[in-house]
Amino acid sequence: MTRFARGFSYTVQKDAVSPVSADVVFASSRFPRYRIGVNNQIVEVKEDLNTLSTKDLVARENALFLEQQQRLSVRDLASKFEKGLAAAAKLSDQARLKEAASLEKHVILKKLRDSLEALRGRVGGKNNDDVAEAIAIVESLAVQLTQREGELIQEKAEVKKLATFLKQASEEAKKLVDEERAFAKAEIENAKAAVQRVEEALQEHEQMSRAAGKQDLDELMKDVQEARRIKMLHQPSRVMDMEHELRALRNQLVEKSKHSLKLQKELAISKKGGGNLLRLYDIDGTEALGSCLRIYPCSDSAPELSECTIQWFRSTSDDGKKELISGATKSVYAPEPFDVGRVLQADILTDDQTITVSTSGPIDPAAGLGNYVEALVRRHDTEFTALLIQMNGEDHPSQSIHALHIGKMRVKLSKGQTTIAKEYYSNSMQLCGIRGGGNAAAQSVYWQVKAGLSFILAFESERERNAAIMLARRFAFDCNITLAGPDDRTGEGNC
């Protein structure tokens, strides 16, 4: 039983056990109580202040319901409202009974007053005064009864208002319960459909897994084994060991190459019958594209190179015909792609004689350079980073970084968004390796755009410099143009 129902039950039980008399049943404990005191005086009994009226109980229960409404579920709230509505109906019935009892009380008091009036006419003296006092008490009781009837009417209105509120709330709660039930039913149906779809998908996936499980497992095992093999091959320690071994092999190869060149030169001198002659000069450096060849004195009696006149030539091993390399008049010369497959010679003119030195064999191509150029040919335009050293024979003050674009139809030199030079391939254009000295000779090129405009550019590496020369000559050849250096003949070595 709820607090509301217990409160109303407590009120009904207390009203049913009224302490006055069996003939006059008062509806509430708030009605004045009387008892016979000393000298037969009627004494009013004080009320119990802790006893609550029906109106206060209704207000308190209503407040409790409003407070619990926020924390109760829809179903519990509907149940509470239904119980409250039943209690309010019961309270309304009790109010009707109390109203009937109040009418009966009025009748009894009227009969009692009439009896006392009749008695007062038949008695006299002191008894007449007692009867008059009793009549006054009865009239006072009638007035109080009328006041109590007013309170009962007000309580009845409050009970009716509460019953209306509870009825409306009960209907709304039932409506909410129905909506929640419908929503829950729809959610359950959706959940069942989703579970069914998942089960079907799992069954299908399980069937497919069983069919392809063995094959996937074999492939996975192969992938794992391959991954383990690659991991073992790419361990940092093995990579470092391989790098050290490769570096040592390169050093040994360079030493062996130098020793082989020395032996080949001695053998060539011996074949010419000049084994006993004193060698004054020789060529030092790797005889391959990307290197730098340098003439050095072999004897203390050799004149200073700065006092001699030097001229480099290229020749084929077949006919031995020499081709002058225009501008190659320094003791240092960096082979370019035209020199691949040819023997390089240098004539050193002293005061009284001309000394010729040459490489022991043809210039070798650079490893992998041909494949690199073939990959660049497939592009429409290739950009190389270059440093501008000279312009029209004068040193460039800033030596700033520029971009050299080599395309299928033209060559362009730019810096940022500014174009320095741009020209289509033509017979007046020249491009070759630099033929002077310096520490960047193997990385530099000479580019004559047209008559009166030329540049000397230094690339990031020997590989980039030779690739740029070969790529430009390849595109120019596709345009029926032979792109070479000053005074160079047609024809290019295999590189």
Protein backbone atom coordinates (compact mmCIF):
# COMPACT_ATOMS: atom_id res chain seq x y z
CA MET A 1 0.00 0.00 0.00
CA THR A 2 1.38 3.43 -0.95
CA ARG A 3 1.90 6.35 1.39
CA PHE A 4 -1.10 8.06 -0.18
CA ALA A 5 -3.37 5.05 0.45
CA ARG A 6 -2.01 4.55 3.97
CA GLY A 7 -2.64 8.23 4.72
CA PHE A 8 -6.24 8.08 3.59
CA SER A 9 -6.80 4.75 5.41
CA TYR A 10 -5.39 6.29 8.56
CA THR A 11 -7.75 9.27 8.26
CA VAL A 12 -10.81 7.08 7.65
CA GLN A 13 -10.01 4.84 10.62
CA LYS A 14 -9.51 7.82 12.89
CA ASP A 15 -12.77 9.41 11.79
CA ALA A 16 -14.56 6.12 12.31
CA VAL A 17 -13.41 5.97 15.96
CA SER A 18 -14.57 9.40 17.11
CA PRO A 19 -14.31 9.90 20.95
CA VAL A 20 -17.56 11.91 21.39
CA SER A 21 -20.62 9.68 21.54
CA ALA A 22 -22.26 7.02 19.53
CA ASP A 23 -25.24 9.23 18.73
CA VAL A 24 -23.26 12.18 17.37
CA VAL A 25 -20.33 11.04 15.11
CA PHE A 26 -18.08 13.94 14.15
CA ALA A 27 -16.23 13.73 10.85
CA SER A 28 -12.93 15.11 12.05
CA SER A 29 -10.84 15.32 15.18
CA ARG A 30 -10.64 19.08 14.64
CA PHE A 31 -14.27 19.42 15.75
CA PRO A 32 -14.42 20.68 19.40
CA ARG A 33 -14.57 17.94 22.01
CA TYR A 34 -16.47 18.30 25.31
CA ARG A 35 -16.55 16.43 28.62
CA ILE A 36 -18.46 16.85 31.93
CA GLY A 37 -16.22 18.55 34.49
CA VAL A 38 -16.63 19.63 38.11
CA ASN A 39 -20.15 20.81 39.10
CA ASN A 40 -21.50 19.26 35.87
CA GLN A 41 -19.71 21.91 33.71
CA ILE A 42 -19.02 21.15 30.02
CA VAL A 43 -15.21 21.47 29.43
CA GLU A 44 -13.65 21.74 25.92
CA VAL A 45 -10.82 19.29 25.28
CA LYS A 46 -7.66 20.77 23.57
CA GLU A 47 -6.75 19.42 20.12
CA ASP A 48 -3.68 17.34 19.36
CA LEU A 49 -1.44 19.66 17.32
CA ASN A 50 0.35 16.69 15.69
CA THR A 51 -2.87 15.46 14.02
CA LEU A 52 -3.16 16.51 10.33
CA SER A 53 -6.38 17.39 8.56
CA THR A 54 -7.58 15.66 5.40
CA LYS A 55 -6.72 18.77 3.34
CA ASP A 56 -3.13 18.77 4.64
CA LEU A 57 -2.79 15.06 3.93
CA VAL A 58 -4.04 15.54 0.37
CA ALA A 59 -1.63 18.45 -0.21
CA ARG A 60 1.29 16.50 1.21
CA GLU A 61 0.58 13.41 -0.86
CA ASN A 62 0.15 15.57 -3.97
CA ALA A 63 3.57 17.16 -3.38
CA LEU A 64 5.13 13.75 -2.87
CA PHE A 65 3.61 12.54 -6.14
CA LEU A 66 4.95 15.54 -8.05
CA GLU A 67 8.39 14.99 -6.54
CA GLN A 68 8.43 11.28 -7.40
CA GLN A 69 7.15 11.90 -10.94
CA GLN A 70 10.64 12.89 -12.15
CA ARG A 71 12.35 9.73 -10.93
CA LEU A 72 9.72 7.06 -11.53
CA SER A 73 9.41 5.08 -14.72
CA VAL A 74 6.35 5.43 -16.92
CA ARG A 75 4.95 2.10 -15.81
CA ASP A 76 5.47 2.83 -12.08
CA LEU A 77 4.04 6.31 -12.50
CA ALA A 78 0.91 4.91 -14.13
CA SER A 79 0.50 2.42 -11.29
CA LYS A 80 0.91 5.19 -8.71
CA PHE A 81 -1.68 7.36 -10.42
CA GLU A 82 -4.13 4.46 -10.64
CA LYS A 83 -3.77 3.76 -6.91
CA GLY A 84 -4.12 7.46 -6.12
CA LEU A 85 -7.24 7.66 -8.25
CA ALA A 86 -8.76 4.69 -6.38
CA ALA A 87 -7.93 6.31 -3.04
CA ALA A 88 -9.47 9.60 -4.20
CA ALA A 89 -12.64 7.78 -5.22
CA LYS A 90 -12.79 6.11 -1.84
CA LEU A 91 -12.25 9.49 -0.16
CA SER A 92 -15.08 10.98 -2.22
CA ASP A 93 -17.41 8.22 -1.03
CA GLN A 94 -16.41 8.89 2.54
CA ALA A 95 -17.07 12.59 2.03
CA ARG A 96 -20.60 11.79 0.86
CA LEU A 97 -21.16 9.65 3.94
CA LYS A 98 -19.86 12.45 6.14
CA GLU A 99 -22.24 14.89 4.46
CA ALA A 100 -25.18 12.57 5.18
CA ALA A 101 -24.01 12.20 8.78
CA SER A 102 -23.79 15.99 9.08
CA LEU A 103 -27.43 16.32 8.00
CA GLU A 104 -28.38 13.72 10.57
CA LYS A 105 -26.48 15.67 13.23
CA HIS A 106 -28.45 18.82 12.39
CA VAL A 107 -31.70 16.89 12.81
CA ILE A 108 -30.59 15.46 16.15
CA LEU A 109 -29.47 18.88 17.43
CA LYS A 110 -32.77 20.41 16.35
CA LYS A 111 -34.74 17.69 18.15
CA LEU A 112 -32.58 18.12 21.25
CA ARG A 113 -33.12 21.90 21.23
CA ASP A 114 -36.86 21.45 20.81
CA SER A 115 -36.91 18.99 23.71
CA LEU A 116 -34.94 21.38 25.92
CA GLU A 117 -37.30 24.27 25.03
CA ALA A 118 -40.25 22.15 25.98
CA LEU A 119 -38.52 21.12 29.21
CA ARG A 120 -37.68 24.74 30.10
CA GLY A 121 -41.37 25.61 29.97
CA ARG A 122 -42.21 22.92 32.51
CA VAL A 123 -39.46 23.54 35.06
CA GLY A 124 -38.49 26.54 37.03
CA GLY A 125 -35.88 27.89 39.38
CA LYS A 126 -32.44 26.48 39.21
CA ASN A 127 -33.45 23.69 36.82
CA ASN A 128 -34.75 26.31 34.40
CA ASP A 129 -31.34 27.97 34.39
CA ASP A 130 -29.65 24.63 33.72
CA VAL A 131 -31.98 23.95 30.85
CA ALA A 132 -31.27 27.43 29.39
CA GLU A 133 -27.52 26.79 29.65
CA ALA A 134 -27.96 23.43 27.89
CA ILE A 135 -29.94 25.14 25.14
CA ALA A 136 -27.07 27.64 24.69
CA ILE A 137 -24.58 24.80 24.45
CA VAL A 138 -26.75 23.05 21.85
CA GLU A 139 -26.97 26.25 19.81
CA SER A 140 -23.18 26.63 20.06
CA LEU A 141 -22.78 23.07 18.84
CA ALA A 142 -25.12 23.83 15.91
CA VAL A 143 -22.97 26.84 14.92
CA GLN A 144 -19.79 24.75 15.09
CA LEU A 145 -21.48 22.02 13.08
CA THR A 146 -22.33 24.58 10.41
CA GLN A 147 -18.70 25.72 10.31
CA ARG A 148 -17.58 22.11 10.02
CA GLU A 149 -19.95 21.62 7.11
CA GLY A 150 -18.21 24.52 5.32
CA GLU A 151 -14.88 22.87 5.88
CA LEU A 152 -16.26 19.61 4.59
CA ILE A 153 -17.49 21.34 1.43
CA GLN A 154 -14.04 22.84 0.86
CA GLU A 155 -12.38 19.48 1.46
CA LYS A 156 -14.80 17.90 -0.95
CA ALA A 157 -13.82 20.42 -3.64
CA GLU A 158 -10.11 19.69 -3.02
CA VAL A 159 -10.75 15.96 -3.21
CA LYS A 160 -12.68 16.42 -6.45
CA LYS A 161 -9.88 18.54 -7.91
CA LEU A 162 -7.31 15.94 -6.86
CA ALA A 163 -9.42 13.15 -8.37
CA THR A 164 -9.66 15.06 -11.67
CA PHE A 165 -5.89 15.62 -11.70
CA LEU A 166 -5.16 11.98 -10.89
CA LYS A 167 -7.59 10.80 -13.54
CA GLN A 168 -5.97 12.98 -16.21
CA ALA A 169 -2.51 11.95 -15.11
CA SER A 170 -3.53 8.30 -15.14
CA GLU A 171 -4.82 8.63 -18.70
CA GLU A 172 -1.63 10.36 -19.82
CA ALA A 173 0.44 7.71 -18.08
CA LYS A 174 -1.51 4.97 -19.84
CA LYS A 175 -0.97 6.76 -23.14
CA LEU A 176 2.77 6.99 -22.45
CA VAL A 177 2.83 3.31 -21.49
CA ASP A 178 1.13 2.41 -24.78
CA GLU A 179 3.57 4.55 -26.76
CA GLU A 180 6.56 3.09 -24.94
CA ARG A 181 5.21 -0.41 -25.46
CA ALA A 182 4.75 0.23 -29.20
CA PHE A 183 8.22 1.77 -29.47
CA ALA A 184 9.77 -1.11 -27.54
CA LYS A 185 7.96 -3.60 -29.74
CA ALA A 186 9.28 -1.88 -32.88
CA GLU A 187 12.81 -1.84 -31.45
CA ILE A 188 12.55 -5.53 -30.61
CA GLU A 189 11.44 -6.31 -34.15
CA ASN A 190 14.32 -4.28 -35.60
CA ALA A 191 16.77 -6.00 -33.26
CA LYS A 192 15.45 -9.41 -34.27
CA ALA A 193 15.82 -8.51 -37.96
CA ALA A 194 19.38 -7.22 -37.37
CA VAL A 195 20.31 -10.37 -35.46
CA GLN A 196 18.91 -12.49 -38.25
CA ARG A 197 20.94 -10.56 -40.86
CA VAL A 198 24.09 -10.93 -38.78
CA GLU A 199 23.50 -14.64 -38.37
CA GLU A 200 23.02 -15.04 -42.13
CA ALA A 201 26.19 -13.04 -42.82
CA LEU A 202 28.14 -15.12 -40.29
CA GLN A 203 26.90 -18.34 -41.83
CA GLU A 204 27.85 -17.12 -45.30
CA HIS A 205 31.26 -15.95 -44.08
CA GLU A 206 31.83 -19.27 -42.31
CA GLN A 207 31.01 -21.18 -45.48
CA MET A 208 33.36 -19.01 -47.53
CA SER A 209 36.07 -19.31 -44.88
CA ARG A 210 35.80 -23.09 -44.91
CA ALA A 211 36.07 -23.11 -48.70
CA ALA A 212 39.10 -20.79 -48.92
CA GLY A 213 40.59 -21.34 -45.48
CA LYS A 214 43.23 -23.84 -46.51
CA GLN A 215 44.35 -21.79 -49.49
CA ASP A 216 44.54 -18.57 -47.46
CA LEU A 217 46.51 -20.36 -44.76
CA ASP A 218 49.06 -21.60 -47.27
CA GLU A 219 49.42 -18.11 -48.79
CA LEU A 220 49.74 -16.60 -45.34
CA MET A 221 52.47 -19.04 -44.42
CA LYS A 222 54.34 -18.16 -47.61
CA ASP A 223 53.99 -14.43 -46.86
CA VAL A 224 55.27 -14.97 -43.32
CA GLN A 225 58.26 -16.92 -44.55
CA GLU A 226 59.03 -14.27 -47.16
CA ALA A 227 58.71 -11.52 -44.55
CA ARG A 228 61.09 -13.37 -42.25
CA ARG A 229 63.57 -13.79 -45.07
CA ILE A 230 63.39 -10.09 -45.98
CA LYS A 231 63.75 -9.12 -42.32
CA MET A 232 66.86 -11.25 -41.99
CA LEU A 233 68.32 -9.74 -45.15
CA HIS A 234 67.60 -6.17 -44.00
CA GLN A 235 68.90 -6.36 -40.49
CA PRO A 236 70.90 -3.21 -39.68
CA SER A 237 73.99 -5.20 -38.75
CA ARG A 238 74.00 -7.09 -42.05
CA VAL A 239 73.46 -3.87 -44.01
CA MET A 240 76.36 -2.21 -42.24
CA ASP A 241 78.56 -5.23 -42.86
CA MET A 242 77.61 -5.22 -46.53
CA GLU A 243 78.34 -1.49 -46.81
CA HIS A 244 81.77 -1.94 -45.24
CA GLU A 245 82.52 -4.85 -47.55
CA LEU A 246 81.37 -2.86 -50.58
CA ARG A 247 83.52 0.11 -49.60
CA ALA A 248 86.55 -2.15 -49.14
CA LEU A 249 85.93 -3.77 -52.53
CA ARG A 250 85.69 -0.38 -54.18
CA ASN A 251 88.99 0.70 -52.64
CA GLN A 252 90.62 -2.51 -53.77
CA LEU A 253 89.17 -2.04 -57.25
CA VAL A 254 90.60 1.48 -57.46
CA GLU A 255 94.03 0.25 -56.38
CA LYS A 256 93.91 -2.64 -58.81
CA SER A 257 92.78 -0.29 -61.58
CA LYS A 258 95.67 2.09 -60.93
CA HIS A 259 98.12 -0.78 -60.86
CA SER A 260 96.66 -2.18 -64.08
CA LEU A 261 96.89 1.19 -65.80
CA LYS A 262 100.50 1.51 -64.74
CA LEU A 263 101.31 -1.92 -66.10
CA GLN A 264 99.49 -1.21 -69.37
CA LYS A 265 101.41 2.02 -69.86
CA GLU A 266 104.72 0.31 -69.15
CA LEU A 267 103.76 -2.45 -71.57
CA ALA A 268 102.86 0.05 -74.29
CA ILE A 269 106.17 1.85 -73.82
CA SER A 270 108.03 -1.44 -73.97
CA LYS A 271 106.28 -2.41 -77.21
CA LYS A 272 107.33 0.87 -78.77
CA GLY A 273 110.92 0.15 -77.84
CA GLY A 274 111.20 3.07 -75.54
CA GLY A 275 111.52 1.15 -72.35
CA ASN A 276 114.88 2.68 -71.62
CA LEU A 277 113.77 6.28 -72.30
CA LEU A 278 113.08 8.54 -69.37
CA ARG A 279 109.41 9.37 -68.95
CA LEU A 280 108.88 13.00 -68.09
CA TYR A 281 105.07 13.16 -67.79
CA ASP A 282 102.13 10.84 -67.30
CA ILE A 283 98.30 10.95 -66.85
CA ASP A 284 96.75 10.23 -63.47
CA GLY A 285 93.06 9.45 -62.83
CA THR A 286 90.41 6.84 -63.53
CA GLU A 287 89.97 6.43 -67.26
CA ALA A 288 86.16 6.51 -67.14
CA LEU A 289 83.35 8.98 -67.66
CA GLY A 290 82.80 11.07 -64.52
CA SER A 291 86.45 11.18 -63.52
CA CYS A 292 89.06 13.89 -63.90
CA LEU A 293 92.37 13.25 -65.71
CA ARG A 294 95.44 15.16 -64.62
CA ILE A 295 98.91 15.45 -66.21
CA TYR A 296 101.75 15.22 -63.69
CA PRO A 297 105.57 15.19 -64.02
CA CYS A 298 107.32 11.86 -63.50
CA SER A 299 110.84 13.19 -63.24
CA ASP A 300 112.58 15.98 -61.44
CA SER A 301 114.10 17.08 -64.75
CA ALA A 302 110.66 17.63 -66.33
CA PRO A 303 109.88 21.29 -67.04
CA GLU A 304 107.10 22.98 -65.09
CA LEU A 305 103.70 22.45 -66.71
CA SER A 306 102.85 26.10 -66.26
CA GLU A 307 105.71 26.89 -68.66
CA CYS A 308 104.50 24.42 -71.29
CA THR A 309 101.76 24.51 -73.90
CA ILE A 310 99.19 21.71 -73.56
CA GLN A 311 96.59 20.48 -76.01
CA TRP A 312 94.22 17.52 -75.52
CA PHE A 313 93.05 15.24 -78.34
CA ARG A 314 90.65 12.34 -78.69
CA SER A 315 91.32 9.44 -81.08
CA THR A 316 89.90 6.06 -81.93
CA SER A 317 91.83 2.90 -81.33
CA ASP A 318 91.22 1.77 -84.91
CA ASP A 319 92.90 4.38 -87.10
CA GLY A 320 94.63 6.45 -84.45
CA LYS A 321 93.49 9.70 -86.09
CA LYS A 322 93.52 12.51 -83.60
CA GLU A 323 90.67 14.98 -83.15
CA LEU A 324 91.50 18.25 -81.45
CA ILE A 325 89.43 19.14 -78.41
CA SER A 326 88.96 22.88 -78.73
CA GLY A 327 89.67 24.77 -75.51
CA ALA A 328 91.24 21.77 -73.69
CA THR A 329 94.58 23.44 -72.99
CA LYS A 330 94.94 22.80 -69.26
CA SER A 331 96.79 20.10 -67.39
CA VAL A 332 93.36 18.88 -66.18
CA TYR A 333 90.64 17.49 -68.39
CA ALA A 334 87.28 15.92 -67.42
CA PRO A 335 86.05 13.41 -70.04
CA GLU A 336 82.57 14.00 -71.43
CA PRO A 337 80.16 11.61 -73.24
CA PHE A 338 81.85 12.25 -76.62
CA ASP A 339 85.06 10.76 -75.17
CA VAL A 340 83.56 7.39 -74.26
CA GLY A 341 85.17 4.64 -76.32
CA ARG A 342 88.06 6.89 -77.42
CA VAL A 343 91.63 7.26 -76.32
CA LEU A 344 92.60 10.65 -74.89
CA GLN A 345 96.00 12.15 -75.65
CA ALA A 346 97.76 15.32 -74.63
CA ASP A 347 100.65 17.05 -76.43
CA ILE A 348 102.98 18.88 -74.07
CA LEU A 349 105.12 21.40 -75.96
CA THR A 350 108.33 22.40 -74.14
CA ASP A 351 111.11 24.64 -75.36
CA ASP A 352 112.88 21.98 -77.40
CA GLN A 353 110.48 19.07 -77.82
CA THR A 354 106.86 17.83 -77.88
CA ILE A 355 105.92 15.10 -75.42
CA THR A 356 102.76 13.06 -75.97
CA VAL A 357 100.98 11.27 -73.16
CA SER A 358 97.81 9.22 -73.52
CA THR A 359 95.43 7.02 -71.62
CA SER A 360 96.16 3.32 -71.58
CA GLY A 361 92.87 2.56 -73.32
CA PRO A 362 89.49 3.98 -74.34
CA ILE A 363 87.44 5.89 -71.81
CA ASP A 364 84.94 3.60 -70.11
CA PRO A 365 81.26 4.55 -69.74
CA ALA A 366 79.74 5.36 -66.33
CA ALA A 367 77.93 2.44 -64.73
CA GLY A 368 74.14 2.75 -64.96
CA LEU A 369 74.23 6.15 -66.69
CA GLY A 370 72.71 4.85 -69.92
CA ASN A 371 69.68 3.36 -68.14
CA TYR A 372 69.25 6.56 -66.14
CA VAL A 373 69.19 8.68 -69.31
CA GLU A 374 66.72 6.28 -70.99
CA ALA A 375 64.39 6.75 -68.03
CA LEU A 376 64.66 10.53 -68.36
CA VAL A 377 63.92 10.39 -72.09
CA ARG A 378 60.40 9.16 -71.34
CA ARG A 379 59.67 12.43 -69.53
CA HIS A 380 58.51 15.56 -71.33
CA ASP A 381 60.78 17.83 -69.30
CA THR A 382 63.57 17.19 -66.79
CA GLU A 383 64.77 19.78 -64.28
CA PHE A 384 68.39 19.82 -63.10
CA THR A 385 69.71 21.97 -60.28
CA ALA A 386 72.79 23.94 -61.35
CA LEU A 387 75.01 26.74 -60.06
CA LEU A 388 75.63 29.65 -62.44
CA ILE A 389 79.42 30.19 -62.55
CA GLN A 390 79.96 32.42 -65.57
CA MET A 391 77.84 34.36 -68.05
CA ASN A 392 79.33 35.45 -71.39
CA GLY A 393 82.83 34.64 -70.13
CA GLU A 394 82.55 36.77 -66.97
CA ASP A 395 82.26 35.40 -63.48
CA HIS A 396 78.76 35.61 -62.07
CA PRO A 397 78.98 37.50 -58.77
CA SER A 398 76.32 35.65 -56.80
CA GLN A 399 76.88 32.11 -58.11
CA SER A 400 73.25 31.47 -57.22
CA ILE A 401 71.34 28.24 -57.72
CA HIS A 402 69.32 27.98 -60.95
CA ALA A 403 67.13 25.37 -62.61
CA LEU A 404 68.08 23.98 -66.04
CA HIS A 405 65.03 22.53 -67.83
CA ILE A 406 65.88 20.14 -70.65
CA GLY A 407 62.82 19.39 -72.75
CA LYS A 408 62.07 17.61 -75.98
CA MET A 409 62.04 20.85 -78.00
CA ARG A 410 64.02 23.43 -76.04
CA VAL A 411 66.34 24.20 -73.11
CA LYS A 412 65.50 26.80 -70.46
CA LEU A 413 67.50 28.31 -67.59
CA SER A 414 65.49 29.93 -64.80
CA LYS A 415 65.73 31.15 -61.25
CA GLY A 416 62.46 30.88 -59.38
CA GLN A 417 59.80 32.45 -61.60
CA THR A 418 62.36 34.42 -63.64
CA THR A 419 63.53 32.98 -66.96
CA ILE A 420 67.22 33.71 -67.66
CA ALA A 421 67.42 32.04 -71.07
CA LYS A 422 65.15 29.93 -73.23
CA GLU A 423 65.97 28.61 -76.69
CA TYR A 424 64.82 25.86 -79.06
CA TYR A 425 67.40 23.41 -80.36
CA SER A 426 69.30 24.96 -83.28
CA ASN A 427 72.60 24.68 -85.14
CA SER A 428 73.94 27.72 -83.28
CA MET A 429 73.46 26.06 -79.88
CA GLN A 430 76.44 24.32 -78.26
CA LEU A 431 76.62 22.10 -75.18
CA CYS A 432 79.62 20.18 -73.84
CA GLY A 433 81.66 19.51 -70.73
CA ILE A 434 83.87 22.29 -69.43
CA ARG A 435 87.40 21.95 -70.79
CA GLY A 436 89.27 23.90 -68.16
CA GLY A 437 90.66 23.08 -64.76
CA GLY A 438 89.38 23.54 -61.25
CA ASN A 439 87.97 21.23 -58.65
CA ALA A 440 84.52 21.21 -60.33
CA ALA A 441 85.62 20.44 -63.89
CA ALA A 442 83.95 17.01 -63.89
CA GLN A 443 80.64 18.59 -62.78
CA SER A 444 80.52 21.63 -65.10
CA VAL A 445 79.19 22.25 -68.61
CA TYR A 446 79.53 24.97 -71.21
CA TRP A 447 76.24 26.02 -72.82
CA GLN A 448 76.08 28.48 -75.71
CA VAL A 449 72.43 29.40 -76.13
CA LYS A 450 73.05 31.40 -79.29
CA ALA A 451 75.71 33.70 -80.65
CA GLY A 452 76.61 36.23 -77.96
CA LEU A 453 75.00 34.38 -75.01
CA SER A 454 76.78 31.59 -73.14
CA PHE A 455 76.86 30.14 -69.61
CA ILE A 456 79.05 27.89 -67.49
CA LEU A 457 76.96 25.79 -65.07
CA ALA A 458 78.08 23.47 -62.28
CA PHE A 459 75.82 20.52 -61.37
CA GLU A 460 75.39 18.68 -58.10
CA SER A 461 77.37 15.62 -59.25
CA GLU A 462 79.27 14.19 -62.21
CA ARG A 463 76.34 11.87 -62.90
CA GLU A 464 73.87 14.79 -63.21
CA ARG A 465 76.26 16.72 -65.49
CA ASN A 466 76.80 13.84 -67.90
CA ALA A 467 73.08 12.91 -67.86
CA ALA A 468 72.13 16.49 -68.76
CA ILE A 469 74.58 16.53 -71.71
CA MET A 470 73.41 13.15 -73.03
CA LEU A 471 69.70 13.99 -72.60
CA ALA A 472 69.99 17.33 -74.41
CA ARG A 473 71.95 15.73 -77.26
CA ARG A 474 69.34 12.95 -77.52
CA PHE A 475 66.43 15.42 -77.81
CA ALA A 476 68.40 17.59 -80.24
CA PHE A 477 69.16 14.55 -82.41
CA ASP A 478 65.41 13.82 -82.56
CA CYS A 479 65.07 17.38 -83.96
CA ASN A 480 67.83 16.68 -86.57
CA ILE A 481 70.29 18.87 -84.67
CA THR A 482 73.79 17.80 -83.63
CA LEU A 483 74.49 19.31 -80.25
CA ALA A 484 78.23 19.34 -79.50
CA GLY A 485 81.03 21.57 -78.26
CA PRO A 486 83.09 24.16 -80.13
CA ASP A 487 84.79 22.69 -83.25
CA ASP A 488 83.60 19.15 -82.38
CA ARG A 489 82.95 16.79 -85.23
CA THR A 490 79.75 14.78 -85.51
CA GLY A 491 79.57 11.45 -83.81
CA GLU A 492 79.25 10.42 -80.20
CA GLY A 493 80.75 7.71 -78.15
CA ASN A 494 78.76 4.86 -76.72
CA CYS A 495 77.89 5.77 -73.17
